């Protein structure tokens, strides 16, 4: 009387679309995991190379260098396209990513992989939030989105930008002894 056409004990041909969606999801997940592992490995090589070349391997902490800036105010600049290579610091998450936006540890893996899957699924993502000082940018929100975009070969990201008006020279441009000591301090924290 109330028969269901599918017998649970019988192999039935359930929609092929369902299975293919599972395969697409699994493929995207595996791609995202492999991208993360590759980004972590590239990060190790990047930081070693930066130390050898005496370059800053870690992001600048905006909270730490804010006192050295001669600020004259700020303004909202709207949505812009920002070069990832121009992003040199963060407003607080300097322990999670290096200067090349490679993840430093496995701690951020799940969030990074989730963001990579969103990119691979072509989902619309909000723009990152950046603070612009001169020609440099500091991340307020969107570290994982920037890292994933960089790992996927993007050179630019959409960003909602707030511009801080400050007079040069900026600490990251002139004070090489401070940069070296900051770099050494960060290197000791990461090991």
N, C-alpha and C. Protein backbone atom coordinates (compact mmCIF):
# COMPACT_ATOMS: atom_id res chain seq x y z
N UNK A 1 0.81 -1.18 0.00
CA UNK A 1 0.00 0.00 0.00
C UNK A 1 0.86 1.26 0.00
N UNK A 2 1.77 1.37 0.98
CA UNK A 2 2.69 2.50 1.01
C UNK A 2 4.09 2.03 0.65
N UNK A 3 4.22 1.47 -0.48
CA UNK A 3 5.52 0.96 -0.89
C UNK A 3 6.41 2.08 -1.39
N UNK A 4 7.69 1.99 -1.02
CA UNK A 4 8.69 2.93 -1.53
C UNK A 4 9.37 2.24 -2.70
N UNK A 5 9.55 2.91 -3.81
CA UNK A 5 10.11 2.24 -4.98
C UNK A 5 11.56 1.79 -4.80
N UNK A 6 12.27 2.31 -3.81
CA UNK A 6 13.67 1.91 -3.62
C UNK A 6 13.76 0.96 -2.44
N UNK A 7 14.26 -0.22 -2.68
CA UNK A 7 14.47 -1.19 -1.63
C UNK A 7 15.81 -0.87 -0.96
N UNK A 8 15.86 -0.64 0.36
CA UNK A 8 17.11 -0.27 1.02
C UNK A 8 18.16 -1.36 0.98
N UNK A 9 17.76 -2.60 0.72
CA UNK A 9 18.71 -3.70 0.70
C UNK A 9 19.20 -4.01 -0.71
N UNK A 10 18.79 -3.22 -1.63
CA UNK A 10 19.13 -3.46 -3.02
C UNK A 10 20.00 -2.31 -3.52
N UNK A 11 21.00 -2.61 -4.33
CA UNK A 11 21.81 -1.56 -4.93
C UNK A 11 20.95 -0.83 -5.94
N UNK A 12 20.70 0.40 -5.66
CA UNK A 12 19.89 1.17 -6.61
C UNK A 12 20.76 2.23 -7.25
N UNK A 13 20.33 2.64 -8.40
CA UNK A 13 21.04 3.70 -9.10
C UNK A 13 20.47 5.04 -8.66
N UNK A 14 21.11 5.59 -7.64
CA UNK A 14 20.72 6.92 -7.17
C UNK A 14 21.33 7.91 -8.14
N UNK A 15 20.68 8.98 -8.29
CA UNK A 15 21.08 10.02 -9.23
C UNK A 15 22.59 10.17 -9.38
N UNK A 16 23.06 10.13 -10.60
CA UNK A 16 24.47 10.30 -10.89
C UNK A 16 24.95 11.69 -10.50
N UNK A 17 24.06 12.66 -10.56
CA UNK A 17 24.44 14.03 -10.22
C UNK A 17 24.90 14.11 -8.77
N UNK A 18 24.23 13.40 -7.89
CA UNK A 18 24.58 13.40 -6.47
C UNK A 18 26.02 12.89 -6.29
N UNK A 19 26.32 11.80 -6.94
CA UNK A 19 27.65 11.22 -6.82
C UNK A 19 28.70 12.14 -7.42
N UNK A 20 28.38 12.76 -8.52
CA UNK A 20 29.38 13.63 -9.14
C UNK A 20 29.61 14.87 -8.27
N UNK A 21 28.58 15.36 -7.57
CA UNK A 21 28.77 16.48 -6.67
C UNK A 21 29.69 16.10 -5.52
N UNK A 22 29.55 14.87 -5.03
CA UNK A 22 30.44 14.40 -3.96
C UNK A 22 31.87 14.33 -4.48
N UNK A 23 32.03 13.88 -5.71
CA UNK A 23 33.37 13.80 -6.28
C UNK A 23 33.97 15.19 -6.46
N UNK A 24 33.15 16.14 -6.89
CA UNK A 24 33.63 17.51 -7.06
C UNK A 24 34.06 18.07 -5.71
N UNK A 25 33.24 17.85 -4.67
CA UNK A 25 33.58 18.32 -3.33
C UNK A 25 34.88 17.70 -2.85
N UNK A 26 35.01 16.38 -3.01
CA UNK A 26 36.22 15.68 -2.58
C UNK A 26 37.44 16.19 -3.34
N UNK A 27 37.26 16.41 -4.64
CA UNK A 27 38.38 16.91 -5.45
C UNK A 27 38.80 18.30 -4.99
N UNK A 28 37.81 19.16 -4.73
CA UNK A 28 38.12 20.52 -4.25
C UNK A 28 38.80 20.47 -2.88
N UNK A 29 38.31 19.61 -2.01
CA UNK A 29 38.89 19.49 -0.67
C UNK A 29 40.35 19.02 -0.77
N UNK A 30 40.58 17.99 -1.57
CA UNK A 30 41.95 17.50 -1.74
C UNK A 30 42.86 18.55 -2.36
N UNK A 31 42.33 19.29 -3.33
CA UNK A 31 43.11 20.38 -3.93
C UNK A 31 43.45 21.43 -2.89
N UNK A 32 42.47 21.79 -2.04
CA UNK A 32 42.69 22.79 -1.01
C UNK A 32 43.73 22.33 0.01
N UNK A 33 43.64 21.06 0.43
CA UNK A 33 44.63 20.51 1.37
C UNK A 33 46.02 20.54 0.76
N UNK A 34 46.13 20.13 -0.50
CA UNK A 34 47.44 20.14 -1.18
C UNK A 34 47.98 21.56 -1.34
N UNK A 35 47.09 22.51 -1.63
CA UNK A 35 47.52 23.91 -1.71
C UNK A 35 48.05 24.40 -0.37
N UNK A 36 47.37 24.02 0.72
CA UNK A 36 47.82 24.44 2.05
C UNK A 36 49.20 23.85 2.36
N UNK A 37 49.36 22.57 2.12
CA UNK A 37 50.66 21.92 2.38
C UNK A 37 51.76 22.57 1.56
N UNK A 38 51.45 22.87 0.31
CA UNK A 38 52.42 23.53 -0.57
C UNK A 38 52.75 24.93 -0.06
N UNK A 39 51.73 25.67 0.39
CA UNK A 39 51.95 27.02 0.90
C UNK A 39 52.81 27.00 2.16
N UNK A 40 52.59 26.02 3.05
CA UNK A 40 53.41 25.90 4.26
C UNK A 40 54.87 25.62 3.89
N UNK A 41 55.08 24.69 2.95
CA UNK A 41 56.43 24.36 2.51
C UNK A 41 57.09 25.56 1.84
N UNK A 42 56.36 26.24 0.96
CA UNK A 42 56.91 27.43 0.31
C UNK A 42 57.24 28.50 1.34
N UNK A 43 56.44 28.57 2.41
CA UNK A 43 56.71 29.53 3.48
C UNK A 43 58.02 29.25 4.18
N UNK A 44 58.30 27.96 4.45
CA UNK A 44 59.59 27.61 5.07
C UNK A 44 60.74 28.07 4.18
N UNK A 45 60.62 27.78 2.89
CA UNK A 45 61.68 28.18 1.95
C UNK A 45 61.79 29.70 1.85
N UNK A 46 60.65 30.39 1.84
CA UNK A 46 60.62 31.85 1.76
C UNK A 46 61.34 32.46 2.96
N UNK A 47 61.07 31.96 4.17
CA UNK A 47 61.67 32.54 5.38
C UNK A 47 63.16 32.25 5.45
N UNK A 48 63.58 31.07 5.00
CA UNK A 48 65.01 30.76 4.96
C UNK A 48 65.70 31.69 3.97
N UNK A 49 65.12 31.84 2.80
CA UNK A 49 65.68 32.73 1.78
C UNK A 49 65.75 34.18 2.28
N UNK A 50 64.70 34.62 2.95
CA UNK A 50 64.67 36.00 3.46
C UNK A 50 65.77 36.22 4.49
N UNK A 51 65.99 35.24 5.35
CA UNK A 51 67.07 35.38 6.35
C UNK A 51 68.43 35.45 5.69
N UNK A 52 68.65 34.59 4.70
CA UNK A 52 69.93 34.59 3.99
C UNK A 52 70.14 35.91 3.25
N UNK A 53 69.09 36.44 2.65
CA UNK A 53 69.18 37.69 1.89
C UNK A 53 69.04 38.93 2.79
N UNK A 54 68.88 38.70 4.09
CA UNK A 54 68.73 39.78 5.08
C UNK A 54 67.54 40.68 4.78
N UNK A 55 66.45 40.03 4.45
CA UNK A 55 65.18 40.73 4.22
C UNK A 55 64.22 40.38 5.35
N UNK A 56 63.20 41.18 5.47
CA UNK A 56 62.20 40.97 6.52
C UNK A 56 61.33 39.77 6.16
N UNK A 57 61.42 38.67 6.92
CA UNK A 57 60.61 37.49 6.59
C UNK A 57 59.19 37.54 7.15
N UNK A 58 58.95 38.38 8.14
CA UNK A 58 57.65 38.41 8.81
C UNK A 58 56.92 39.72 8.56
N UNK A 59 55.62 39.66 8.72
CA UNK A 59 54.79 40.86 8.57
C UNK A 59 55.10 41.87 9.67
N UNK A 60 55.04 43.14 9.34
CA UNK A 60 55.18 44.19 10.34
C UNK A 60 53.90 44.26 11.17
N UNK A 61 54.06 44.49 12.46
CA UNK A 61 52.92 44.65 13.34
C UNK A 61 52.57 46.13 13.42
N UNK A 62 51.44 46.51 12.84
CA UNK A 62 51.03 47.91 12.82
C UNK A 62 50.88 48.47 14.22
N UNK A 63 50.39 47.65 15.15
CA UNK A 63 50.24 48.11 16.53
C UNK A 63 51.58 48.48 17.15
N UNK A 64 52.63 47.78 16.75
CA UNK A 64 53.96 48.03 17.30
C UNK A 64 54.61 49.27 16.69
N UNK A 65 54.41 49.51 15.40
CA UNK A 65 55.07 50.64 14.76
C UNK A 65 54.21 51.91 14.70
N UNK A 66 52.97 51.82 15.18
CA UNK A 66 52.06 52.96 15.13
C UNK A 66 52.64 54.18 15.85
N UNK A 67 53.34 53.96 16.96
CA UNK A 67 53.91 55.08 17.72
C UNK A 67 55.01 55.82 16.95
N UNK A 68 55.63 55.16 15.98
CA UNK A 68 56.69 55.79 15.18
C UNK A 68 56.16 56.55 13.97
N UNK A 69 54.86 56.51 13.74
CA UNK A 69 54.27 57.20 12.60
C UNK A 69 53.81 58.59 13.00
N UNK A 70 54.03 59.53 12.13
CA UNK A 70 53.52 60.89 12.32
C UNK A 70 52.17 60.98 11.62
N UNK A 71 51.12 60.55 12.33
CA UNK A 71 49.79 60.50 11.73
C UNK A 71 49.12 61.87 11.71
N UNK A 72 48.43 62.15 10.59
CA UNK A 72 47.72 63.42 10.41
C UNK A 72 46.23 63.20 10.19
N UNK A 73 45.74 62.01 10.45
CA UNK A 73 44.33 61.71 10.23
C UNK A 73 44.16 60.51 9.33
N UNK A 74 42.89 60.20 9.06
CA UNK A 74 42.59 59.06 8.19
C UNK A 74 41.34 59.37 7.39
N UNK A 75 41.16 58.60 6.32
CA UNK A 75 39.98 58.77 5.49
C UNK A 75 39.61 57.44 4.86
N UNK A 76 38.33 57.28 4.58
CA UNK A 76 37.85 56.07 3.92
C UNK A 76 38.08 56.23 2.42
N UNK A 77 38.77 55.27 1.82
CA UNK A 77 39.11 55.36 0.40
C UNK A 77 38.23 54.48 -0.48
N UNK A 78 37.36 53.67 0.11
CA UNK A 78 36.46 52.84 -0.68
C UNK A 78 37.08 51.52 -1.07
N UNK A 79 36.48 50.90 -2.08
CA UNK A 79 36.95 49.61 -2.59
C UNK A 79 38.00 49.86 -3.66
N UNK A 80 39.14 49.22 -3.51
CA UNK A 80 40.25 49.34 -4.46
C UNK A 80 40.79 47.95 -4.79
N UNK A 81 41.59 47.91 -5.81
CA UNK A 81 42.34 46.69 -6.12
C UNK A 81 43.74 46.92 -5.56
N UNK A 82 44.16 46.05 -4.65
CA UNK A 82 45.47 46.19 -4.00
C UNK A 82 46.38 45.05 -4.41
N UNK A 83 47.63 45.39 -4.69
CA UNK A 83 48.64 44.37 -5.02
C UNK A 83 49.02 43.62 -3.74
N UNK A 84 49.03 42.31 -3.77
CA UNK A 84 49.40 41.52 -2.62
C UNK A 84 50.84 41.82 -2.21
N UNK A 85 51.70 42.08 -3.16
CA UNK A 85 53.09 42.41 -2.86
C UNK A 85 53.27 43.72 -2.11
N UNK A 86 52.25 44.57 -2.09
CA UNK A 86 52.31 45.84 -1.36
C UNK A 86 51.82 45.71 0.07
N UNK A 87 51.31 44.53 0.43
CA UNK A 87 50.82 44.31 1.79
C UNK A 87 52.00 43.83 2.63
N UNK A 88 52.41 44.67 3.59
CA UNK A 88 53.63 44.37 4.35
C UNK A 88 53.39 44.10 5.83
N UNK A 89 52.14 44.23 6.28
CA UNK A 89 51.92 44.06 7.70
C UNK A 89 50.48 43.74 8.04
N UNK A 90 50.27 43.66 9.35
CA UNK A 90 48.96 43.31 9.87
C UNK A 90 48.67 44.14 11.11
N UNK A 91 47.41 44.29 11.39
CA UNK A 91 47.02 45.03 12.58
C UNK A 91 47.02 44.13 13.82
N UNK A 92 47.36 42.90 13.68
CA UNK A 92 47.39 42.06 14.87
C UNK A 92 47.72 40.60 14.66
N UNK A 93 47.62 40.07 13.45
CA UNK A 93 47.85 38.64 13.22
C UNK A 93 49.21 38.38 12.57
N UNK A 94 50.26 38.92 13.16
CA UNK A 94 51.58 38.73 12.56
C UNK A 94 52.16 37.35 12.83
N UNK A 95 51.59 36.61 13.76
CA UNK A 95 52.11 35.28 14.09
C UNK A 95 51.57 34.19 13.17
N UNK A 96 50.58 34.50 12.34
CA UNK A 96 49.94 33.47 11.52
C UNK A 96 50.50 33.36 10.10
N UNK A 97 51.02 34.47 9.56
CA UNK A 97 51.49 34.49 8.17
C UNK A 97 52.81 35.24 8.08
N UNK A 98 53.64 34.84 7.10
CA UNK A 98 54.90 35.56 6.90
C UNK A 98 54.70 36.67 5.87
N UNK A 99 55.77 37.34 5.50
CA UNK A 99 55.68 38.47 4.59
C UNK A 99 55.16 38.07 3.20
N UNK A 100 55.32 36.82 2.82
CA UNK A 100 54.79 36.33 1.55
C UNK A 100 53.38 35.77 1.67
N UNK A 101 52.77 35.95 2.83
CA UNK A 101 51.43 35.45 3.16
C UNK A 101 51.33 33.94 3.06
N UNK A 102 52.40 33.26 3.44
CA UNK A 102 52.37 31.80 3.59
C UNK A 102 51.96 31.51 5.04
N UNK A 103 51.12 30.51 5.26
CA UNK A 103 50.77 30.16 6.64
C UNK A 103 52.02 29.66 7.38
N UNK A 104 52.18 30.10 8.62
CA UNK A 104 53.37 29.74 9.38
C UNK A 104 53.21 28.40 10.08
N UNK A 105 52.01 28.07 10.52
CA UNK A 105 51.82 26.82 11.25
C UNK A 105 50.55 26.10 10.77
N UNK A 106 50.38 24.90 11.28
CA UNK A 106 49.22 24.09 10.95
C UNK A 106 47.96 24.57 11.66
N UNK A 107 48.10 25.50 12.60
CA UNK A 107 46.96 25.95 13.42
C UNK A 107 45.83 26.54 12.59
N UNK A 108 46.18 27.18 11.49
CA UNK A 108 45.14 27.83 10.67
C UNK A 108 44.67 26.98 9.49
N UNK A 109 45.01 25.71 9.52
CA UNK A 109 44.72 24.85 8.36
C UNK A 109 43.25 24.77 8.01
N UNK A 110 42.38 24.49 8.97
CA UNK A 110 40.96 24.31 8.64
C UNK A 110 40.35 25.58 8.05
N UNK A 111 40.68 26.71 8.64
CA UNK A 111 40.13 27.97 8.11
C UNK A 111 40.70 28.25 6.72
N UNK A 112 42.00 28.00 6.53
CA UNK A 112 42.65 28.23 5.25
C UNK A 112 42.03 27.33 4.18
N UNK A 113 41.85 26.06 4.51
CA UNK A 113 41.28 25.09 3.55
C UNK A 113 39.84 25.47 3.22
N UNK A 114 39.08 25.91 4.22
CA UNK A 114 37.71 26.35 3.96
C UNK A 114 37.66 27.54 3.01
N UNK A 115 38.58 28.47 3.20
CA UNK A 115 38.65 29.64 2.32
C UNK A 115 39.08 29.21 0.90
N UNK A 116 40.02 28.27 0.83
CA UNK A 116 40.47 27.78 -0.49
C UNK A 116 39.32 27.08 -1.22
N UNK A 117 38.50 26.33 -0.49
CA UNK A 117 37.36 25.67 -1.12
C UNK A 117 36.35 26.70 -1.62
N UNK A 118 36.18 27.79 -0.88
CA UNK A 118 35.28 28.86 -1.34
C UNK A 118 35.81 29.47 -2.64
N UNK A 119 37.12 29.70 -2.71
CA UNK A 119 37.72 30.22 -3.94
C UNK A 119 37.55 29.24 -5.09
N UNK A 120 37.84 27.96 -4.81
CA UNK A 120 37.74 26.94 -5.87
C UNK A 120 36.30 26.72 -6.33
N UNK A 121 35.34 27.04 -5.47
CA UNK A 121 33.93 26.91 -5.83
C UNK A 121 33.39 28.18 -6.49
N UNK A 122 34.25 29.17 -6.66
CA UNK A 122 33.89 30.45 -7.28
C UNK A 122 32.80 31.18 -6.50
N UNK A 123 32.81 31.04 -5.18
CA UNK A 123 31.84 31.76 -4.35
C UNK A 123 32.28 33.22 -4.20
N UNK A 124 31.35 34.14 -4.22
CA UNK A 124 31.73 35.54 -4.02
C UNK A 124 32.14 35.77 -2.57
N UNK A 125 33.28 36.39 -2.38
CA UNK A 125 33.80 36.67 -1.05
C UNK A 125 33.88 38.17 -0.84
N UNK A 126 33.69 38.62 0.39
CA UNK A 126 33.78 40.07 0.62
C UNK A 126 35.21 40.55 0.43
N UNK A 127 35.40 41.82 0.13
CA UNK A 127 36.77 42.33 -0.01
C UNK A 127 37.49 42.30 1.34
N UNK A 128 38.80 42.17 1.29
CA UNK A 128 39.58 42.24 2.52
C UNK A 128 39.58 43.69 3.02
N UNK A 129 39.92 43.89 4.26
CA UNK A 129 40.00 45.24 4.81
C UNK A 129 41.46 45.59 5.06
N UNK A 130 41.89 46.69 4.43
CA UNK A 130 43.28 47.11 4.52
C UNK A 130 43.39 48.54 5.02
N UNK A 131 44.53 48.82 5.65
CA UNK A 131 44.91 50.18 6.01
C UNK A 131 46.07 50.55 5.11
N UNK A 132 45.95 51.67 4.42
CA UNK A 132 47.02 52.11 3.52
C UNK A 132 47.79 53.24 4.19
N UNK A 133 49.12 53.10 4.20
CA UNK A 133 50.00 54.16 4.69
C UNK A 133 51.07 54.33 3.62
N UNK A 134 51.06 55.46 2.94
CA UNK A 134 51.95 55.66 1.81
C UNK A 134 51.57 54.67 0.72
N UNK A 135 52.56 53.89 0.25
CA UNK A 135 52.31 52.88 -0.77
C UNK A 135 52.12 51.49 -0.18
N UNK A 136 52.19 51.39 1.14
CA UNK A 136 52.11 50.09 1.80
C UNK A 136 50.73 49.86 2.40
N UNK A 137 50.38 48.57 2.52
CA UNK A 137 49.10 48.19 3.11
C UNK A 137 49.32 47.29 4.33
N UNK A 138 48.40 47.40 5.28
CA UNK A 138 48.38 46.56 6.47
C UNK A 138 47.00 45.92 6.55
N UNK A 139 46.95 44.63 6.87
CA UNK A 139 45.68 43.90 6.88
C UNK A 139 44.96 44.12 8.20
N UNK A 140 43.71 44.51 8.08
CA UNK A 140 42.83 44.61 9.23
C UNK A 140 41.98 43.34 9.32
N UNK A 141 41.47 42.88 8.19
CA UNK A 141 40.67 41.66 8.13
C UNK A 141 40.85 41.02 6.76
N UNK A 142 41.03 39.70 6.73
CA UNK A 142 41.13 39.00 5.44
C UNK A 142 42.45 38.31 5.21
N UNK A 143 43.18 38.00 6.27
CA UNK A 143 44.49 37.36 6.14
C UNK A 143 44.42 36.05 5.35
N UNK A 144 43.44 35.21 5.68
CA UNK A 144 43.32 33.91 5.00
C UNK A 144 42.94 34.09 3.53
N UNK A 145 42.06 35.05 3.24
CA UNK A 145 41.68 35.30 1.85
C UNK A 145 42.89 35.74 1.03
N UNK A 146 43.74 36.58 1.62
CA UNK A 146 44.94 37.03 0.92
C UNK A 146 45.90 35.87 0.71
N UNK A 147 46.08 35.06 1.73
CA UNK A 147 46.99 33.92 1.63
C UNK A 147 46.54 32.93 0.56
N UNK A 148 45.25 32.63 0.54
CA UNK A 148 44.71 31.69 -0.45
C UNK A 148 44.82 32.29 -1.85
N UNK A 149 44.48 33.56 -1.99
CA UNK A 149 44.58 34.22 -3.30
C UNK A 149 46.01 34.17 -3.82
N UNK A 150 46.97 34.43 -2.94
CA UNK A 150 48.38 34.39 -3.31
C UNK A 150 48.79 32.97 -3.71
N UNK A 151 48.32 31.97 -2.95
CA UNK A 151 48.65 30.57 -3.26
C UNK A 151 48.06 30.14 -4.60
N UNK A 152 46.93 30.73 -4.98
CA UNK A 152 46.30 30.39 -6.26
C UNK A 152 46.84 31.23 -7.42
N UNK A 153 47.86 32.03 -7.16
CA UNK A 153 48.52 32.77 -8.22
C UNK A 153 48.00 34.17 -8.48
N UNK A 154 47.06 34.65 -7.66
CA UNK A 154 46.57 36.02 -7.84
C UNK A 154 47.65 37.00 -7.38
N UNK A 155 47.74 38.11 -8.04
CA UNK A 155 48.68 39.15 -7.63
C UNK A 155 47.98 40.33 -6.97
N UNK A 156 46.66 40.39 -7.09
CA UNK A 156 45.89 41.49 -6.52
C UNK A 156 44.63 40.96 -5.85
N UNK A 157 44.11 41.74 -4.90
CA UNK A 157 42.85 41.41 -4.24
C UNK A 157 41.98 42.66 -4.17
N UNK A 158 40.66 42.44 -4.12
CA UNK A 158 39.74 43.54 -3.88
C UNK A 158 39.81 43.88 -2.40
N UNK A 159 39.89 45.18 -2.09
CA UNK A 159 40.06 45.58 -0.70
C UNK A 159 39.25 46.84 -0.39
N UNK A 160 38.69 46.84 0.80
CA UNK A 160 38.07 48.03 1.35
C UNK A 160 39.18 48.74 2.12
N UNK A 161 39.51 49.95 1.69
CA UNK A 161 40.73 50.61 2.17
C UNK A 161 40.40 51.85 3.01
N UNK A 162 41.09 51.94 4.13
CA UNK A 162 41.13 53.15 4.95
C UNK A 162 42.55 53.68 4.84
N UNK A 163 42.70 54.94 4.46
CA UNK A 163 44.01 55.54 4.29
C UNK A 163 44.38 56.35 5.52
N UNK A 164 45.54 56.02 6.08
CA UNK A 164 46.07 56.83 7.18
C UNK A 164 47.04 57.82 6.58
N UNK A 165 46.83 59.08 6.87
CA UNK A 165 47.73 60.12 6.36
C UNK A 165 48.89 60.26 7.34
N UNK A 166 50.09 60.04 6.83
CA UNK A 166 51.30 60.13 7.64
C UNK A 166 52.42 60.69 6.80
N UNK A 167 53.37 61.29 7.47
CA UNK A 167 54.52 61.88 6.77
C UNK A 167 55.65 60.87 6.70
N UNK A 168 56.25 60.74 5.51
CA UNK A 168 57.43 59.88 5.40
C UNK A 168 58.62 60.56 6.07
N UNK A 169 59.68 59.90 6.38
CA UNK A 169 59.96 58.49 6.11
C UNK A 169 59.21 57.59 7.08
N UNK A 170 58.88 56.40 6.60
CA UNK A 170 58.16 55.44 7.40
C UNK A 170 59.14 54.47 8.06
N UNK A 171 58.79 53.92 9.21
CA UNK A 171 59.73 53.03 9.93
C UNK A 171 60.21 51.85 9.10
N UNK A 172 59.36 51.28 8.25
CA UNK A 172 59.76 50.11 7.46
C UNK A 172 60.66 50.49 6.29
N UNK A 173 60.82 51.78 6.01
CA UNK A 173 61.67 52.21 4.90
C UNK A 173 63.06 52.63 5.35
N UNK A 174 63.20 53.14 6.56
CA UNK A 174 64.45 53.79 6.94
C UNK A 174 65.24 53.10 8.02
N UNK A 175 64.60 52.58 9.01
CA UNK A 175 65.28 52.08 10.19
C UNK A 175 65.67 50.62 10.01
N UNK A 176 66.77 50.38 9.29
CA UNK A 176 67.17 49.00 8.98
C UNK A 176 67.62 48.24 10.23
N UNK A 177 68.23 48.92 11.21
CA UNK A 177 68.63 48.21 12.42
C UNK A 177 67.41 47.74 13.19
N UNK A 178 66.36 48.56 13.21
CA UNK A 178 65.13 48.15 13.89
C UNK A 178 64.47 46.99 13.14
N UNK A 179 64.50 47.04 11.82
CA UNK A 179 63.92 45.96 11.02
C UNK A 179 64.66 44.66 11.31
N UNK A 180 65.99 44.72 11.37
CA UNK A 180 66.77 43.51 11.63
C UNK A 180 66.48 42.97 13.03
N UNK A 181 66.42 43.86 14.04
CA UNK A 181 66.14 43.39 15.40
C UNK A 181 64.72 42.84 15.49
N UNK A 182 63.78 43.48 14.81
CA UNK A 182 62.40 43.00 14.79
C UNK A 182 62.33 41.64 14.13
N UNK A 183 63.06 41.49 13.03
CA UNK A 183 63.09 40.22 12.32
C UNK A 183 63.68 39.12 13.20
N UNK A 184 64.76 39.42 13.93
CA UNK A 184 65.35 38.42 14.81
C UNK A 184 64.41 38.06 15.95
N UNK A 185 63.74 39.07 16.51
CA UNK A 185 62.78 38.82 17.59
C UNK A 185 61.67 37.91 17.09
N UNK A 186 61.12 38.16 15.90
CA UNK A 186 60.05 37.34 15.35
C UNK A 186 60.56 35.93 15.05
N UNK A 187 61.80 35.83 14.57
CA UNK A 187 62.37 34.51 14.26
C UNK A 187 62.48 33.68 15.54
N UNK A 188 62.87 34.30 16.64
CA UNK A 188 62.97 33.58 17.91
C UNK A 188 61.61 33.16 18.42
N UNK A 189 60.56 33.97 18.17
CA UNK A 189 59.22 33.61 18.60
C UNK A 189 58.67 32.44 17.80
N UNK A 190 59.04 32.35 16.53
CA UNK A 190 58.45 31.32 15.67
C UNK A 190 59.14 29.96 15.82
N UNK A 191 60.32 29.93 16.42
CA UNK A 191 61.00 28.64 16.57
C UNK A 191 60.77 28.02 17.91
